[in-house]
Amino acid sequence: MLFWKIGGATTDGGAGFNLCAAAILSVIVVYLLSLGAIRVFNVPSFQAGSFSQACYRFNTYIGMAVVMTTLGETGVRYFGILIGFAIPFINVLAVSTLIWYSGKKGTPRENASYLLRALISNPLIIGCAAGLLFSKFEFSFPVFLDNTFRMMTSVTLPLALLSIGGGLSVASLKLNTVNSMIAALLKTAILPIVGFFLLKLFAVSGVPFKAGIIFFALPTSTAIYVLSAQLNSDTELASAAIMVSTVVSFIPLSIVLLL
């Protein structure tokens, strides 16, 4: 879907660059706040990597569903460009932090190799990068391919949203209520506020601004559970953080859409 939407048209490069710059800086601010919260609230090392991820990672599929419904294809293109730049950067932060706190520190070469594999095997990154290249060279889709992609992508978001709902669980919430609430507060309250001011600072307006502010208000990514499991962090906290963030995100998303 991302390849088809991004590859099918181009957007204004200046607006796209400012949007991405504001998003990356906002994530950096909240990432640093998450590291501070780990110290202030004495989050154990076993939970630190999961906690930090939950503060700034975003749920791409919920974001794409909201953007497509409210902003149409133009919004999807800007959102796709944004996540194409944000996902690699966020993965670097997440994997580096998880490795640091995991107690399974390998050699720099091993850590770099793991990080590289995590980036180049991510289907969202592949789809966005391929779409940007396709658009840059001004190719066009043959009619039969365009129609095929259109039918295929029509089921993408419903299936993604069903899988997200099926994966939510309250079982792990009891023992991780406080930390998951703090992470949800940073993700769904602090990040949108920081993002709003940085979007204004970078003079982002119109559809790019709307796509950006929706991006900031999204719940945390379900991918934090997978990375936590792979890199020896607390999967129960990850699951609780996903649950709380997804439920709480209805508030900032509703405010953003109303405004």
Protein backbone atom coordinates (compact mmCIF):
# COMPACT_ATOMS: atom_id res chain seq x y z
CA MET A 1 0.00 0.00 0.00
CA LEU A 2 2.78 2.43 0.91
CA PHE A 3 4.68 1.65 -2.29
CA TRP A 4 1.58 2.23 -4.41
CA LYS A 5 0.45 5.42 -2.63
CA ILE A 6 3.89 7.07 -2.50
CA GLY A 7 5.02 5.86 -5.90
CA GLY A 8 1.90 7.09 -7.63
CA ALA A 9 2.60 10.81 -7.14
CA THR A 10 5.12 13.34 -5.89
CA THR A 11 4.79 15.93 -3.11
CA ASP A 12 6.41 19.25 -2.37
CA GLY A 13 9.94 18.45 -1.25
CA GLY A 14 10.30 21.49 1.01
CA ALA A 15 7.16 20.75 3.01
CA GLY A 16 8.12 17.09 3.25
CA PHE A 17 11.60 17.94 4.54
CA ASN A 18 10.29 20.35 7.19
CA LEU A 19 7.69 17.82 8.29
CA CYS A 20 10.31 15.09 8.70
CA ALA A 21 12.72 17.42 10.51
CA ALA A 22 10.05 18.48 13.01
CA ALA A 23 9.07 14.84 13.60
CA ILE A 24 12.63 13.62 14.14
CA LEU A 25 13.44 16.43 16.57
CA SER A 26 10.22 15.77 18.51
CA VAL A 27 11.09 12.09 18.82
CA ILE A 28 14.59 12.98 20.05
CA VAL A 29 13.13 15.26 22.75
CA VAL A 30 10.73 12.58 24.03
CA TYR A 31 13.41 9.88 23.77
CA LEU A 32 15.64 11.93 26.07
CA LEU A 33 12.69 12.46 28.42
CA SER A 34 12.14 8.68 28.48
CA LEU A 35 15.76 8.14 29.55
CA GLY A 36 15.24 10.72 32.29
CA ALA A 37 12.04 8.98 33.41
CA ILE A 38 13.91 5.68 33.66
CA ARG A 39 16.20 7.26 36.26
CA VAL A 40 13.56 9.33 38.08
CA PHE A 41 11.04 6.48 38.45
CA ASN A 42 13.73 3.78 38.98
CA VAL A 43 12.64 1.65 36.04
CA PRO A 44 14.64 -1.62 36.24
CA SER A 45 17.16 -2.34 33.49
CA PHE A 46 15.10 -5.36 32.43
CA GLN A 47 12.17 -3.02 31.69
CA ALA A 48 14.07 0.07 30.53
CA GLY A 49 14.28 -0.81 26.84
CA SER A 50 10.57 -1.66 26.61
CA PHE A 51 9.63 1.45 28.58
CA SER A 52 11.70 3.78 26.41
CA GLN A 53 10.28 2.37 23.16
CA ALA A 54 6.73 2.81 24.38
CA CYS A 55 7.32 6.54 24.85
CA TYR A 56 8.01 7.44 21.21
CA ARG A 57 7.30 4.58 18.78
CA PHE A 58 4.08 4.90 16.79
CA ASN A 59 1.46 2.56 15.37
CA THR A 60 1.77 2.92 11.60
CA TYR A 61 -1.42 1.07 10.73
CA ILE A 62 -3.73 3.07 12.99
CA GLY A 63 -2.04 6.22 11.68
CA MET A 64 -2.54 5.19 8.07
CA ALA A 65 -6.21 4.39 8.71
CA VAL A 66 -6.85 7.78 10.35
CA VAL A 67 -4.89 9.72 7.71
CA MET A 68 -6.54 7.94 4.79
CA THR A 69 -10.01 8.58 6.23
CA THR A 70 -9.48 12.23 7.09
CA LEU A 71 -6.87 13.55 4.64
CA GLY A 72 -7.23 11.30 1.61
CA GLU A 73 -4.44 10.26 -0.75
CA THR A 74 -2.48 13.51 -0.39
CA GLY A 75 -2.30 12.98 3.35
CA VAL A 76 -1.27 9.36 2.88
CA ARG A 77 1.64 10.42 0.64
CA TYR A 78 2.94 12.91 3.20
CA PHE A 79 2.42 10.43 6.01
CA GLY A 80 4.23 7.76 4.01
CA ILE A 81 7.21 10.04 3.40
CA LEU A 82 7.26 10.94 7.09
CA ILE A 83 7.27 7.35 8.33
CA GLY A 84 9.81 6.40 5.65
CA PHE A 85 12.27 8.74 7.35
CA ALA A 86 11.07 8.23 10.93
CA ILE A 87 11.04 4.43 11.10
CA PRO A 88 14.78 3.89 10.42
CA PHE A 89 15.72 6.62 12.90
CA ILE A 90 13.37 5.28 15.58
CA ASN A 91 14.66 1.74 15.06
CA VAL A 92 18.20 2.97 15.67
CA LEU A 93 17.12 4.55 18.96
CA ALA A 94 15.08 1.53 20.04
CA VAL A 95 17.62 -1.18 19.20
CA SER A 96 20.52 0.80 20.67
CA THR A 97 18.64 1.38 23.94
CA LEU A 98 17.49 -2.23 24.17
CA ILE A 99 21.03 -3.50 23.62
CA TRP A 100 22.40 -1.08 26.22
CA TYR A 101 20.00 -2.21 28.93
CA SER A 102 19.64 -5.86 27.94
CA GLY A 103 22.81 -7.18 29.55
CA LYS A 104 23.52 -9.01 26.27
CA LYS A 105 25.95 -6.49 24.89
CA GLY A 106 27.85 -7.94 21.96
CA THR A 107 30.77 -6.50 20.08
CA PRO A 108 30.16 -3.22 18.22
CA ARG A 109 30.22 -5.18 14.98
CA GLU A 110 27.58 -7.65 16.21
CA ASN A 111 25.33 -4.84 17.44
CA ALA A 112 25.73 -2.91 14.19
CA SER A 113 24.95 -6.07 12.21
CA TYR A 114 21.76 -6.69 14.19
CA LEU A 115 20.68 -3.08 13.74
CA LEU A 116 21.32 -3.19 9.99
CA ARG A 117 19.27 -6.38 9.63
CA ALA A 118 16.43 -4.82 11.61
CA LEU A 119 16.39 -1.84 9.25
CA ILE A 120 16.73 -3.45 5.84
CA SER A 121 14.25 -6.24 6.62
CA ASN A 122 11.49 -3.88 7.77
CA PRO A 123 8.69 -4.08 5.16
CA LEU A 124 7.47 -0.56 5.98
CA ILE A 125 10.90 0.88 5.23
CA ILE A 126 11.18 -1.18 2.04
CA GLY A 127 7.74 -0.05 0.84
CA CYS A 128 8.40 3.63 1.56
CA ALA A 129 11.89 3.61 0.03
CA ALA A 130 10.72 1.79 -3.10
CA GLY A 131 7.80 4.20 -3.47
CA LEU A 132 10.06 7.25 -3.13
CA LEU A 133 12.45 5.89 -5.78
CA PHE A 134 9.56 5.02 -8.11
CA SER A 135 8.14 8.52 -7.70
CA LYS A 136 11.53 10.23 -8.10
CA PHE A 137 12.10 8.65 -11.52
CA GLU A 138 8.53 9.56 -12.53
CA PHE A 139 7.50 6.07 -13.48
CA SER A 140 3.82 5.23 -13.77
CA PHE A 141 1.85 2.08 -13.05
CA PRO A 142 0.26 0.24 -15.99
CA VAL A 143 -3.53 0.17 -15.69
CA PHE A 144 -3.72 -3.53 -14.83
CA LEU A 145 -1.11 -3.14 -12.07
CA ASP A 146 -2.75 0.01 -10.74
CA ASN A 147 -6.09 -1.77 -10.48
CA THR A 148 -4.47 -4.82 -8.90
CA PHE A 149 -2.70 -2.72 -6.24
CA ARG A 150 -5.91 -0.79 -5.61
CA MET A 151 -7.82 -4.00 -4.83
CA MET A 152 -5.00 -5.46 -2.74
CA THR A 153 -4.51 -2.36 -0.62
CA SER A 154 -8.22 -2.02 0.12
CA VAL A 155 -7.94 -4.93 2.61
CA THR A 156 -4.60 -3.90 4.11
CA LEU A 157 -5.81 -1.57 6.84
CA PRO A 158 -8.86 -3.58 7.98
CA LEU A 159 -6.68 -6.67 8.43
CA ALA A 160 -3.97 -4.68 10.21
CA LEU A 161 -6.48 -3.13 12.63
CA LEU A 162 -8.04 -6.54 13.34
CA SER A 163 -4.62 -7.99 14.17
CA ILE A 164 -3.85 -5.07 16.50
CA GLY A 165 -7.13 -5.54 18.38
CA GLY A 166 -6.61 -9.29 18.63
CA GLY A 167 -3.18 -8.81 20.13
CA LEU A 168 -4.23 -6.55 23.00
CA SER A 169 -4.33 -8.13 26.44
CA VAL A 170 -5.13 -6.85 29.94
CA ALA A 171 -3.45 -9.81 31.63
CA SER A 172 -0.08 -8.10 31.98
CA LEU A 173 -1.52 -4.75 33.03
CA LYS A 174 -1.86 -5.43 36.76
CA LEU A 175 1.86 -5.56 37.54
CA ASN A 176 2.87 -2.79 35.13
CA THR A 177 0.18 -0.16 35.56
CA VAL A 178 2.40 2.70 36.74
CA ASN A 179 5.19 2.36 34.18
CA SER A 180 2.78 1.76 31.31
CA MET A 181 0.77 4.85 32.30
CA ILE A 182 3.93 7.01 32.44
CA ALA A 183 4.98 5.75 29.00
CA ALA A 184 1.48 6.40 27.63
CA LEU A 185 1.55 9.93 29.06
CA LEU A 186 4.85 10.70 27.32
CA LYS A 187 3.64 9.16 24.05
CA THR A 188 0.10 10.50 23.83
CA ALA A 189 0.38 13.83 25.71
CA ILE A 190 3.95 15.13 25.76
CA LEU A 191 4.92 14.08 22.21
CA PRO A 192 1.88 15.78 20.57
CA ILE A 193 2.60 19.01 22.46
CA VAL A 194 6.29 19.01 21.55
CA GLY A 195 5.42 18.06 17.97
CA PHE A 196 2.86 20.85 17.63
CA PHE A 197 5.35 23.55 18.58
CA LEU A 198 8.09 22.13 16.35
CA LEU A 199 5.71 21.92 13.37
CA LYS A 200 4.93 25.60 13.93
CA LEU A 201 8.65 26.39 14.32
CA PHE A 202 9.39 24.73 10.96
CA ALA A 203 6.45 26.55 9.33
CA VAL A 204 4.68 23.32 8.37
CA SER A 205 1.07 24.00 7.37
CA GLY A 206 -1.85 22.55 5.44
CA VAL A 207 -2.05 18.82 4.81
CA PRO A 208 1.58 18.16 5.94
CA PHE A 209 0.78 19.81 9.30
CA LYS A 210 -2.36 17.71 9.71
CA ALA A 211 -0.50 14.50 8.83
CA GLY A 212 2.25 15.43 11.29
CA ILE A 213 -0.03 16.18 14.22
CA ILE A 214 -1.90 12.88 13.67
CA PHE A 215 1.49 11.13 13.65
CA PHE A 216 2.31 12.60 17.07
CA ALA A 217 -1.03 11.61 18.63
CA LEU A 218 -0.84 7.92 17.66
CA PRO A 219 -0.54 5.12 20.23
CA THR A 220 2.70 3.23 20.60
CA SER A 221 3.69 0.52 18.14
CA THR A 222 2.88 -3.15 18.63
CA ALA A 223 6.42 -3.81 17.33
CA ILE A 224 7.82 -2.94 20.76
CA TYR A 225 6.69 -6.38 21.96
CA VAL A 226 8.67 -8.16 19.23
CA LEU A 227 11.87 -6.18 19.80
CA SER A 228 11.57 -6.59 23.57
CA ALA A 229 11.32 -10.36 23.15
CA GLN A 230 14.31 -10.46 20.78
CA LEU A 231 16.57 -8.28 22.92
CA ASN A 232 15.89 -9.54 26.44
CA SER A 233 13.56 -6.85 27.72
CA ASP A 234 10.23 -7.11 29.57
CA THR A 235 7.52 -8.31 27.17
CA GLU A 236 4.84 -8.02 29.87
CA LEU A 237 5.55 -4.31 30.26
CA ALA A 238 5.61 -3.97 26.47
CA SER A 239 2.19 -5.63 26.22
CA ALA A 240 0.75 -3.47 29.02
CA ALA A 241 2.19 -0.30 27.45
CA ILE A 242 0.63 -1.16 24.08
CA MET A 243 -2.74 -1.77 25.73
CA VAL A 244 -2.75 1.46 27.77
CA SER A 245 -1.37 3.60 24.95
CA THR A 246 -3.93 2.29 22.46
CA VAL A 247 -6.86 3.00 24.79
CA VAL A 248 -5.56 6.39 25.97
CA SER A 249 -4.77 7.54 22.41
CA PHE A 250 -8.47 8.00 21.71
CA ILE A 251 -8.24 11.23 23.70
CA PRO A 252 -5.42 13.02 21.81
CA LEU A 253 -6.59 11.64 18.44
CA SER A 254 -10.11 12.92 19.09
CA ILE A 255 -8.76 16.35 20.09
CA VAL A 256 -6.50 16.52 17.04
CA LEU A 257 -9.30 15.54 14.65
CA LEU A 258 -11.73 18.01 16.23
CA LEU A 259 -9.21 20.84 15.96
